Amino acid sequence: MDITPETTLADDLEQYGPRVARITYVRVENDKALVHHALEKMSAASVVNVDCRSWDIPDLWVCKGSVFPTVGGMNPSLTIQAIAIRTAFRIGQLAAAGDL
C-alpha cells in the first residue's frame, strides 16, 4: 500500500507571514523498487563521448538534441546550436593537433 505524502504547517514563517508548508513522505517498497530499476537502466554506456563523438565510429559526430541526457523542458534550439558550435570547435582543435 502506497503512503500519500502528508502536508502540515511548520513553525517557520514565509516572507509575508503565512506559515511554511512541510511535506513529509515515506518511501514504500514500490518506491524503492522503482529507484533501483531506474539506477540500473541509467548506468548504461553512452553512445557519444563528451565531445559528441561516437565511441564506435570515430568519424561520426552527433550535434543535435539526441545527445541530451534528459528531455528538454523548453524549446532546446539555442542549446542544440551551442552543442553544434562547441562540437565544431572541438573538431577544429583535434584537426589542428592532427588527432583526427
PDB file of N, CA and C in Angstrom:
ATOM      1  N   MET A   1       0.842  -1.181   0.000  1.00  0.00           N
ATOM      2  CA  MET A   1       0.000   0.000   0.000  1.00  0.00           C
ATOM      3  C   MET A   1       0.887   1.245   0.000  1.00  0.00           C
ATOM      4  N   ASP A   2       0.655   2.139  -0.951  1.00  0.00           N
ATOM      5  CA  ASP A   2       1.442   3.372  -1.027  1.00  0.00           C
ATOM      6  C   ASP A   2       0.980   4.359   0.024  1.00  0.00           C
ATOM      7  N   ILE A   3       1.911   5.131   0.519  1.00  0.00           N
ATOM      8  CA  ILE A   3       1.598   6.149   1.515  1.00  0.00           C
ATOM      9  C   ILE A   3       1.575   7.510   0.829  1.00  0.00           C
ATOM     10  N   THR A   4       0.490   8.232   0.981  1.00  0.00           N
ATOM     11  CA  THR A   4       0.364   9.560   0.390  1.00  0.00           C
ATOM     12  C   THR A   4       1.172  10.553   1.217  1.00  0.00           C
ATOM     13  N   PRO A   5       1.879  11.465   0.553  1.00  0.00           N
ATOM     14  CA  PRO A   5       2.618  12.480   1.313  1.00  0.00           C
ATOM     15  C   PRO A   5       1.678  13.254   2.231  1.00  0.00           C
ATOM     16  N   GLU A   6       2.172  13.605   3.385  1.00  0.00           N
ATOM     17  CA  GLU A   6       1.384  14.352   4.368  1.00  0.00           C
ATOM     18  C   GLU A   6       1.873  15.796   4.392  1.00  0.00           C
ATOM     19  N   THR A   7       0.938  16.743   4.273  1.00  0.00           N
ATOM     20  CA  THR A   7       1.294  18.153   4.295  1.00  0.00           C
ATOM     21  C   THR A   7       0.814  18.762   5.611  1.00  0.00           C
ATOM     22  N   THR A   8       1.737  19.394   6.306  1.00  0.00           N
ATOM     23  CA  THR A   8       1.412  20.098   7.543  1.00  0.00           C
ATOM     24  C   THR A   8       2.044  21.482   7.479  1.00  0.00           C
ATOM     25  N   LEU A   9       1.816  22.276   8.489  1.00  0.00           N
ATOM     26  CA  LEU A   9       2.435  23.603   8.551  1.00  0.00           C
ATOM     27  C   LEU A   9       3.570  23.594   9.557  1.00  0.00           C
ATOM     28  N   ALA A  10       4.699  24.163   9.159  1.00  0.00           N
ATOM     29  CA  ALA A  10       5.855  24.269  10.043  1.00  0.00           C
ATOM     30  C   ALA A  10       5.691  25.484  10.949  1.00  0.00           C
ATOM     31  N   ASP A  11       6.551  25.622  11.923  1.00  0.00           N
ATOM     32  CA  ASP A  11       6.529  26.801  12.794  1.00  0.00           C
ATOM     33  C   ASP A  11       7.161  28.011  12.116  1.00  0.00           C
ATOM     34  N   ASP A  12       8.005  27.776  11.086  1.00  0.00           N
ATOM     35  CA  ASP A  12       8.656  28.871  10.360  1.00  0.00           C
ATOM     36  C   ASP A  12       7.638  29.654   9.549  1.00  0.00           C
ATOM     37  N   LEU A  13       7.900  30.967   9.400  1.00  0.00           N
ATOM     38  CA  LEU A  13       7.000  31.822   8.637  1.00  0.00           C
ATOM     39  C   LEU A  13       7.606  32.191   7.295  1.00  0.00           C
ATOM     40  N   GLU A  14       6.727  32.301   6.276  1.00  0.00           N
ATOM     41  CA  GLU A  14       7.162  32.788   4.973  1.00  0.00           C
ATOM     42  C   GLU A  14       7.415  34.284   5.062  1.00  0.00           C
ATOM     43  N   GLN A  15       7.901  34.869   3.972  1.00  0.00           N
ATOM     44  CA  GLN A  15       8.262  36.283   3.929  1.00  0.00           C
ATOM     45  C   GLN A  15       7.099  37.201   4.316  1.00  0.00           C
ATOM     46  N   TYR A  16       5.880  36.852   3.894  1.00  0.00           N
ATOM     47  CA  TYR A  16       4.728  37.727   4.143  1.00  0.00           C
ATOM     48  C   TYR A  16       3.826  37.225   5.258  1.00  0.00           C
ATOM     49  N   GLY A  17       4.306  36.314   6.083  1.00  0.00           N
ATOM     50  CA  GLY A  17       3.580  35.951   7.275  1.00  0.00           C
ATOM     51  C   GLY A  17       3.008  34.547   7.373  1.00  0.00           C
ATOM     52  N   PRO A  18       2.484  33.947   6.307  1.00  0.00           N
ATOM     53  CA  PRO A  18       1.920  32.603   6.465  1.00  0.00           C
ATOM     54  C   PRO A  18       2.992  31.592   6.866  1.00  0.00           C
ATOM     55  N   ARG A  19       2.551  30.554   7.530  1.00  0.00           N
ATOM     56  CA  ARG A  19       3.486  29.505   7.920  1.00  0.00           C
ATOM     57  C   ARG A  19       3.928  28.691   6.698  1.00  0.00           C
ATOM     58  N   VAL A  20       5.143  28.193   6.757  1.00  0.00           N
ATOM     59  CA  VAL A  20       5.733  27.415   5.670  1.00  0.00           C
ATOM     60  C   VAL A  20       5.111  26.020   5.651  1.00  0.00           C
ATOM     61  N   ALA A  21       4.811  25.533   4.447  1.00  0.00           N
ATOM     62  CA  ALA A  21       4.284  24.177   4.310  1.00  0.00           C
ATOM     63  C   ALA A  21       5.404  23.171   4.514  1.00  0.00           C
ATOM     64  N   ARG A  22       5.098  22.088   5.190  1.00  0.00           N
ATOM     65  CA  ARG A  22       6.054  20.997   5.412  1.00  0.00           C
ATOM     66  C   ARG A  22       5.438  19.742   4.799  1.00  0.00           C
ATOM     67  N   ILE A  23       6.145  19.137   3.862  1.00  0.00           N
ATOM     68  CA  ILE A  23       5.656  17.925   3.213  1.00  0.00           C
ATOM     69  C   ILE A  23       6.514  16.763   3.682  1.00  0.00           C
ATOM     70  N   THR A  24       5.867  15.762   4.245  1.00  0.00           N
ATOM     71  CA  THR A  24       6.557  14.591   4.770  1.00  0.00           C
ATOM     72  C   THR A  24       6.069  13.365   4.003  1.00  0.00           C
ATOM     73  N   TYR A  25       6.994  12.520   3.584  1.00  0.00           N
ATOM     74  CA  TYR A  25       6.606  11.291   2.904  1.00  0.00           C
ATOM     75  C   TYR A  25       7.548  10.172   3.294  1.00  0.00           C
ATOM     76  N   VAL A  26       7.087   8.976   3.081  1.00  0.00           N
ATOM     77  CA  VAL A  26       7.873   7.788   3.365  1.00  0.00           C
ATOM     78  C   VAL A  26       7.956   6.978   2.076  1.00  0.00           C
ATOM     79  N   ARG A  27       9.159   6.541   1.725  1.00  0.00           N
ATOM     80  CA  ARG A  27       9.304   5.692   0.539  1.00  0.00           C
ATOM     81  C   ARG A  27       8.905   4.265   0.902  1.00  0.00           C
ATOM     82  N   VAL A  28       7.926   3.764   0.164  1.00  0.00           N
ATOM     83  CA  VAL A  28       7.467   2.394   0.383  1.00  0.00           C
ATOM     84  C   VAL A  28       8.256   1.463  -0.520  1.00  0.00           C
ATOM     85  N   GLU A  29       8.017   0.155  -0.415  1.00  0.00           N
ATOM     86  CA  GLU A  29       8.785  -0.829  -1.175  1.00  0.00           C
ATOM     87  C   GLU A  29       8.707  -0.583  -2.681  1.00  0.00           C
ATOM     88  N   ASN A  30       7.548  -0.185  -3.202  1.00  0.00           N
ATOM     89  CA  ASN A  30       7.429   0.076  -4.632  1.00  0.00           C
ATOM     90  C   ASN A  30       8.312   1.253  -5.044  1.00  0.00           C
ATOM     91  N   ASP A  31       8.371   2.302  -4.213  1.00  0.00           N
ATOM     92  CA  ASP A  31       9.250   3.442  -4.494  1.00  0.00           C
ATOM     93  C   ASP A  31      10.700   2.984  -4.573  1.00  0.00           C
ATOM     94  N   LYS A  32      11.098   2.164  -3.628  1.00  0.00           N
ATOM     95  CA  LYS A  32      12.476   1.667  -3.596  1.00  0.00           C
ATOM     96  C   LYS A  32      12.771   0.807  -4.826  1.00  0.00           C
ATOM     97  N   ALA A  33      11.807  -0.001  -5.254  1.00  0.00           N
ATOM     98  CA  ALA A  33      11.994  -0.841  -6.444  1.00  0.00           C
ATOM     99  C   ALA A  33      12.123   0.022  -7.696  1.00  0.00           C
ATOM    100  N   LEU A  34      11.326   1.085  -7.790  1.00  0.00           N
ATOM    101  CA  LEU A  34      11.396   1.981  -8.946  1.00  0.00           C
ATOM    102  C   LEU A  34      12.748   2.692  -9.015  1.00  0.00           C
ATOM    103  N   VAL A  35      13.253   3.140  -7.879  1.00  0.00           N
ATOM    104  CA  VAL A  35      14.558   3.799  -7.837  1.00  0.00           C
ATOM    105  C   VAL A  35      15.653   2.814  -8.237  1.00  0.00           C
ATOM    106  N   HIS A  36      15.594   1.601  -7.719  1.00  0.00           N
ATOM    107  CA  HIS A  36      16.589   0.580  -8.059  1.00  0.00           C
ATOM    108  C   HIS A  36      16.570   0.288  -9.556  1.00  0.00           C
ATOM    109  N   HIS A  37      15.378   0.136 -10.127  1.00  0.00           N
ATOM    110  CA  HIS A  37      15.246  -0.125 -11.558  1.00  0.00           C
ATOM    111  C   HIS A  37      15.816   1.027 -12.385  1.00  0.00           C
ATOM    112  N   ALA A  38      15.489   2.263 -11.998  1.00  0.00           N
ATOM    113  CA  ALA A  38      15.983   3.436 -12.727  1.00  0.00           C
ATOM    114  C   ALA A  38      17.508   3.513 -12.675  1.00  0.00           C
ATOM    115  N   LEU A  39      18.092   3.261 -11.527  1.00  0.00           N
ATOM    116  CA  LEU A  39      19.548   3.305 -11.405  1.00  0.00           C
ATOM    117  C   LEU A  39      20.218   2.246 -12.267  1.00  0.00           C
ATOM    118  N   GLU A  40      19.602   1.061 -12.368  1.00  0.00           N
ATOM    119  CA  GLU A  40      20.155   0.026 -13.240  1.00  0.00           C
ATOM    120  C   GLU A  40      20.121   0.467 -14.698  1.00  0.00           C
ATOM    121  N   LYS A  41      19.011   1.059 -15.124  1.00  0.00           N
ATOM    122  CA  LYS A  41      18.861   1.486 -16.517  1.00  0.00           C
ATOM    123  C   LYS A  41      19.753   2.680 -16.839  1.00  0.00           C
ATOM    124  N   MET A  42      19.950   3.590 -15.874  1.00  0.00           N
ATOM    125  CA  MET A  42      20.746   4.789 -16.124  1.00  0.00           C
ATOM    126  C   MET A  42      22.237   4.514 -16.121  1.00  0.00           C
ATOM    127  N   SER A  43      22.647   3.324 -15.714  1.00  0.00           N
ATOM    128  CA  SER A  43      24.078   3.034 -15.697  1.00  0.00           C
ATOM    129  C   SER A  43      24.553   2.485 -17.043  1.00  0.00           C
ATOM    130  N   ALA A  44      23.698   2.504 -18.097  1.00  0.00           N
ATOM    131  CA  ALA A  44      24.098   2.008 -19.428  1.00  0.00           C
ATOM    132  C   ALA A  44      25.163   2.904 -20.015  1.00  0.00           C
ATOM    133  N   ALA A  45      25.967   2.354 -20.938  1.00  0.00           N
ATOM    134  CA  ALA A  45      27.040   3.096 -21.584  1.00  0.00           C
ATOM    135  C   ALA A  45      26.471   4.144 -22.536  1.00  0.00           C
ATOM    136  N   SER A  46      27.226   5.224 -22.741  1.00  0.00           N
ATOM    137  CA  SER A  46      26.794   6.296 -23.638  1.00  0.00           C
ATOM    138  C   SER A  46      27.149   5.953 -25.080  1.00  0.00           C
ATOM    139  N   VAL A  47      26.502   6.640 -26.016  1.00  0.00           N
ATOM    140  CA  VAL A  47      26.760   6.451 -27.442  1.00  0.00           C
ATOM    141  C   VAL A  47      27.874   7.377 -27.911  1.00  0.00           C
ATOM    142  N   VAL A  48      27.928   8.575 -27.313  1.00  0.00           N
ATOM    143  CA  VAL A  48      28.949   9.553 -27.688  1.00  0.00           C
ATOM    144  C   VAL A  48      29.740   9.976 -26.457  1.00  0.00           C
ATOM    145  N   ASN A  49      30.955  10.481 -26.703  1.00  0.00           N
ATOM    146  CA  ASN A  49      31.779  10.963 -25.598  1.00  0.00           C
ATOM    147  C   ASN A  49      31.450  12.431 -25.299  1.00  0.00           C
ATOM    148  N   VAL A  50      32.214  13.075 -24.451  1.00  0.00           N
ATOM    149  CA  VAL A  50      31.955  14.447 -24.045  1.00  0.00           C
ATOM    150  C   VAL A  50      32.043  15.428 -25.215  1.00  0.00           C
ATOM    151  N   ASP A  51      32.748  15.051 -26.267  1.00  0.00           N
ATOM    152  CA  ASP A  51      32.870  15.904 -27.453  1.00  0.00           C
ATOM    153  C   ASP A  51      31.801  15.616 -28.498  1.00  0.00           C
ATOM    154  N   CYS A  52      30.827  14.755 -28.166  1.00  0.00           N
ATOM    155  CA  CYS A  52      29.747  14.344 -29.082  1.00  0.00           C
ATOM    156  C   CYS A  52      30.263  13.462 -30.212  1.00  0.00           C
ATOM    157  N   ARG A  53      31.376  12.804 -29.981  1.00  0.00           N
ATOM    158  CA  ARG A  53      31.976  11.895 -30.962  1.00  0.00           C
ATOM    159  C   ARG A  53      31.596  10.468 -30.603  1.00  0.00           C
ATOM    160  N   SER A  54      31.164   9.703 -31.591  1.00  0.00           N
ATOM    161  CA  SER A  54      30.751   8.317 -31.372  1.00  0.00           C
ATOM    162  C   SER A  54      31.900   7.499 -30.799  1.00  0.00           C
ATOM    163  N   TRP A  55      31.592   6.654 -29.831  1.00  0.00           N
ATOM    164  CA  TRP A  55      32.596   5.751 -29.281  1.00  0.00           C
ATOM    165  C   TRP A  55      32.964   4.687 -30.308  1.00  0.00           C
ATOM    166  N   ASP A  56      31.968   4.238 -31.095  1.00  0.00           N
ATOM    167  CA  ASP A  56      32.179   3.113 -32.007  1.00  0.00           C
ATOM    168  C   ASP A  56      32.649   3.511 -33.403  1.00  0.00           C
ATOM    169  N   ILE A  57      32.222   4.674 -33.882  1.00  0.00           N
ATOM    170  CA  ILE A  57      32.564   5.114 -35.234  1.00  0.00           C
ATOM    171  C   ILE A  57      33.323   6.430 -35.109  1.00  0.00           C
ATOM    172  N   PRO A  58      34.643   6.439 -35.194  1.00  0.00           N
ATOM    173  CA  PRO A  58      35.449   7.630 -34.913  1.00  0.00           C
ATOM    174  C   PRO A  58      35.110   8.857 -35.758  1.00  0.00           C
ATOM    175  N   ASP A  59      34.628   8.653 -36.986  1.00  0.00           N
ATOM    176  CA  ASP A  59      34.313   9.796 -37.842  1.00  0.00           C
ATOM    177  C   ASP A  59      32.865  10.263 -37.709  1.00  0.00           C
ATOM    178  N   LEU A  60      32.134   9.757 -36.732  1.00  0.00           N
ATOM    179  CA  LEU A  60      30.735  10.150 -36.523  1.00  0.00           C
ATOM    180  C   LEU A  60      30.631  11.091 -35.332  1.00  0.00           C
ATOM    181  N   TRP A  61      30.124  12.278 -35.591  1.00  0.00           N
ATOM    182  CA  TRP A  61      29.901  13.294 -34.553  1.00  0.00           C
ATOM    183  C   TRP A  61      28.406  13.598 -34.536  1.00  0.00           C
ATOM    184  N   VAL A  62      27.808  13.658 -33.383  1.00  0.00           N
ATOM    185  CA  VAL A  62      26.368  13.884 -33.270  1.00  0.00           C
ATOM    186  C   VAL A  62      26.136  15.262 -32.660  1.00  0.00           C
ATOM    187  N   CYS A  63      25.526  16.158 -33.438  1.00  0.00           N
ATOM    188  CA  CYS A  63      25.325  17.540 -32.993  1.00  0.00           C
ATOM    189  C   CYS A  63      23.832  17.874 -33.005  1.00  0.00           C
ATOM    190  N   LYS A  64      23.077  17.268 -32.138  1.00  0.00           N
ATOM    191  CA  LYS A  64      21.646  17.527 -32.073  1.00  0.00           C
ATOM    192  C   LYS A  64      21.120  17.204 -30.687  1.00  0.00           C
ATOM    193  N   GLY A  65      19.835  17.349 -30.517  1.00  0.00           N
ATOM    194  CA  GLY A  65      19.229  17.144 -29.210  1.00  0.00           C
ATOM    195  C   GLY A  65      19.292  15.722 -28.697  1.00  0.00           C
ATOM    196  N   SER A  66      19.592  14.765 -29.556  1.00  0.00           N
ATOM    197  CA  SER A  66      19.653  13.370 -29.107  1.00  0.00           C
ATOM    198  C   SER A  66      20.817  13.111 -28.159  1.00  0.00           C
ATOM    199  N   VAL A  67      21.746  14.049 -28.023  1.00  0.00           N
ATOM    200  CA  VAL A  67      22.840  13.864 -27.069  1.00  0.00           C
ATOM    201  C   VAL A  67      22.466  14.333 -25.663  1.00  0.00           C
ATOM    202  N   PHE A  68      21.269  14.930 -25.518  1.00  0.00           N
ATOM    203  CA  PHE A  68      20.829  15.369 -24.192  1.00  0.00           C
ATOM    204  C   PHE A  68      20.649  14.150 -23.284  1.00  0.00           C
ATOM    205  N   PRO A  69      21.092  14.213 -22.039  1.00  0.00           N
ATOM    206  CA  PRO A  69      20.883  13.091 -21.132  1.00  0.00           C
ATOM    207  C   PRO A  69      19.433  12.975 -20.665  1.00  0.00           C
ATOM    208  N   THR A  70      18.667  14.066 -20.773  1.00  0.00           N
ATOM    209  CA  THR A  70      17.256  14.064 -20.392  1.00  0.00           C
ATOM    210  C   THR A  70      16.467  14.845 -21.429  1.00  0.00           C
ATOM    211  N   VAL A  71      15.161  14.779 -21.330  1.00  0.00           N
ATOM    212  CA  VAL A  71      14.295  15.515 -22.241  1.00  0.00           C
ATOM    213  C   VAL A  71      14.339  16.994 -21.869  1.00  0.00           C
ATOM    214  N   GLY A  72      14.445  17.866 -22.866  1.00  0.00           N
ATOM    215  CA  GLY A  72      14.429  19.301 -22.610  1.00  0.00           C
ATOM    216  C   GLY A  72      13.029  19.760 -22.233  1.00  0.00           C
ATOM    217  N   GLY A  73      12.927  20.644 -21.273  1.00  0.00           N
ATOM    218  CA  GLY A  73      11.628  21.121 -20.833  1.00  0.00           C
ATOM    219  C   GLY A  73      11.080  22.254 -21.680  1.00  0.00           C
ATOM    220  N   MET A  74      11.941  22.980 -22.309  1.00  0.00           N
ATOM    221  CA  MET A  74      11.536  24.114 -23.137  1.00  0.00           C
ATOM    222  C   MET A  74      12.137  23.940 -24.523  1.00  0.00           C
ATOM    223  N   ASN A  75      11.942  24.922 -25.366  1.00  0.00           N
ATOM    224  CA  ASN A  75      12.497  24.867 -26.713  1.00  0.00           C
ATOM    225  C   ASN A  75      14.021  24.777 -26.629  1.00  0.00           C
ATOM    226  N   PRO A  76      14.601  23.669 -27.101  1.00  0.00           N
ATOM    227  CA  PRO A  76      16.041  23.449 -26.947  1.00  0.00           C
ATOM    228  C   PRO A  76      16.896  24.004 -28.091  1.00  0.00           C
ATOM    229  N   SER A  77      16.318  24.813 -28.973  1.00  0.00           N
ATOM    230  CA  SER A  77      17.047  25.252 -30.172  1.00  0.00           C
ATOM    231  C   SER A  77      18.384  25.905 -29.857  1.00  0.00           C
ATOM    232  N   LEU A  78      18.421  26.816 -28.910  1.00  0.00           N
ATOM    233  CA  LEU A  78      19.677  27.503 -28.602  1.00  0.00           C
ATOM    234  C   LEU A  78      20.712  26.545 -28.004  1.00  0.00           C
ATOM    235  N   THR A  79      20.248  25.614 -27.203  1.00  0.00           N
ATOM    236  CA  THR A  79      21.173  24.634 -26.627  1.00  0.00           C
ATOM    237  C   THR A  79      21.735  23.731 -27.714  1.00  0.00           C
ATOM    238  N   ILE A  80      20.891  23.312 -28.664  1.00  0.00           N
ATOM    239  CA  ILE A  80      21.363  22.484 -29.772  1.00  0.00           C
ATOM    240  C   ILE A  80      22.371  23.262 -30.608  1.00  0.00           C
ATOM    241  N   GLN A  81      22.111  24.543 -30.840  1.00  0.00           N
ATOM    242  CA  GLN A  81      23.071  25.371 -31.578  1.00  0.00           C
ATOM    243  C   GLN A  81      24.396  25.464 -30.829  1.00  0.00           C
ATOM    244  N   ALA A  82      24.322  25.631 -29.524  1.00  0.00           N
ATOM    245  CA  ALA A  82      25.547  25.715 -28.722  1.00  0.00           C
ATOM    246  C   ALA A  82      26.322  24.404 -28.776  1.00  0.00           C
ATOM    247  N   ILE A  83      25.619  23.271 -28.736  1.00  0.00           N
ATOM    248  CA  ILE A  83      26.280  21.966 -28.841  1.00  0.00           C
ATOM    249  C   ILE A  83      26.969  21.842 -30.190  1.00  0.00           C
ATOM    250  N   ALA A  84      26.274  22.263 -31.265  1.00  0.00           N
ATOM    251  CA  ALA A  84      26.857  22.169 -32.610  1.00  0.00           C
ATOM    252  C   ALA A  84      28.102  23.041 -32.733  1.00  0.00           C
ATOM    253  N   ILE A  85      28.048  24.255 -32.205  1.00  0.00           N
ATOM    254  CA  ILE A  85      29.201  25.160 -32.262  1.00  0.00           C
ATOM    255  C   ILE A  85      30.365  24.598 -31.449  1.00  0.00           C
ATOM    256  N   ARG A  86      30.070  24.100 -30.254  1.00  0.00           N
ATOM    257  CA  ARG A  86      31.113  23.529 -29.397  1.00  0.00           C
ATOM    258  C   ARG A  86      31.747  22.315 -30.063  1.00  0.00           C
ATOM    259  N   THR A  87      30.916  21.462 -30.672  1.00  0.00           N
ATOM    260  CA  THR A  87      31.425  20.275 -31.347  1.00  0.00           C
ATOM    261  C   THR A  87      32.294  20.652 -32.547  1.00  0.00           C
ATOM    262  N   ALA A  88      31.826  21.626 -33.340  1.00  0.00           N
ATOM    263  CA  ALA A  88      32.619  22.083 -34.492  1.00  0.00           C
ATOM    264  C   ALA A  88      33.968  22.645 -34.027  1.00  0.00           C
ATOM    265  N   PHE A  89      33.946  23.402 -32.932  1.00  0.00           N
ATOM    266  CA  PHE A  89      35.183  23.959 -32.381  1.00  0.00           C
ATOM    267  C   PHE A  89      36.123  22.825 -31.959  1.00  0.00           C
ATOM    268  N   ARG A  90      35.566  21.802 -31.332  1.00  0.00           N
ATOM    269  CA  ARG A  90      36.386  20.675 -30.870  1.00  0.00           C
ATOM    270  C   ARG A  90      36.972  19.897 -32.053  1.00  0.00           C
ATOM    271  N   ILE A  91      36.175  19.731 -33.120  1.00  0.00           N
ATOM    272  CA  ILE A  91      36.687  19.071 -34.323  1.00  0.00           C
ATOM    273  C   ILE A  91      37.866  19.864 -34.881  1.00  0.00           C
ATOM    274  N   GLY A  92      37.735  21.189 -34.910  1.00  0.00           N
ATOM    275  CA  GLY A  92      38.811  22.044 -35.380  1.00  0.00           C
ATOM    276  C   GLY A  92      40.073  21.895 -34.536  1.00  0.00           C
ATOM    277  N   GLN A  93      39.891  21.839 -33.221  1.00  0.00           N
ATOM    278  CA  GLN A  93      41.038  21.662 -32.327  1.00  0.00           C
ATOM    279  C   GLN A  93      41.736  20.330 -32.587  1.00  0.00           C
ATOM    280  N   LEU A  94      40.960  19.265 -32.706  1.00  0.00           N
ATOM    281  CA  LEU A  94      41.553  17.954 -32.929  1.00  0.00           C
ATOM    282  C   LEU A  94      42.224  17.870 -34.306  1.00  0.00           C
ATOM    283  N   ALA A  95      41.605  18.507 -35.306  1.00  0.00           N
ATOM    284  CA  ALA A  95      42.210  18.519 -36.649  1.00  0.00           C
ATOM    285  C   ALA A  95      43.542  19.268 -36.638  1.00  0.00           C
ATOM    286  N   ALA A  96      43.578  20.412 -35.956  1.00  0.00           N
ATOM    287  CA  ALA A  96      44.804  21.207 -35.885  1.00  0.00           C
ATOM    288  C   ALA A  96      45.921  20.446 -35.158  1.00  0.00           C
ATOM    289  N   ALA A  97      45.535  19.615 -34.207  1.00  0.00           N
ATOM    290  CA  ALA A  97      46.535  18.843 -33.453  1.00  0.00           C
ATOM    291  C   ALA A  97      46.900  17.540 -34.170  1.00  0.00           C
ATOM    292  N   GLY A  98      46.213  17.251 -35.289  1.00  0.00           N
ATOM    293  CA  GLY A  98      46.485  16.022 -36.017  1.00  0.00           C
ATOM    294  C   GLY A  98      45.909  14.781 -35.371  1.00  0.00           C
ATOM    295  N   ASP A  99      44.880  14.962 -34.546  1.00  0.00           N
ATOM    296  CA  ASP A  99      44.294  13.838 -33.820  1.00  0.00           C
ATOM    297  C   ASP A  99      43.013  13.301 -34.445  1.00  0.00           C
ATOM    298  N   LEU A 100      42.761  13.645 -35.707  1.00  0.00           N
ATOM    299  CA  LEU A 100      41.550  13.097 -36.365  1.00  0.00           C
ATOM    300  C   LEU A 100      41.899  11.943 -37.254  1.00  0.00           C
TER     301      LEU A 100
END
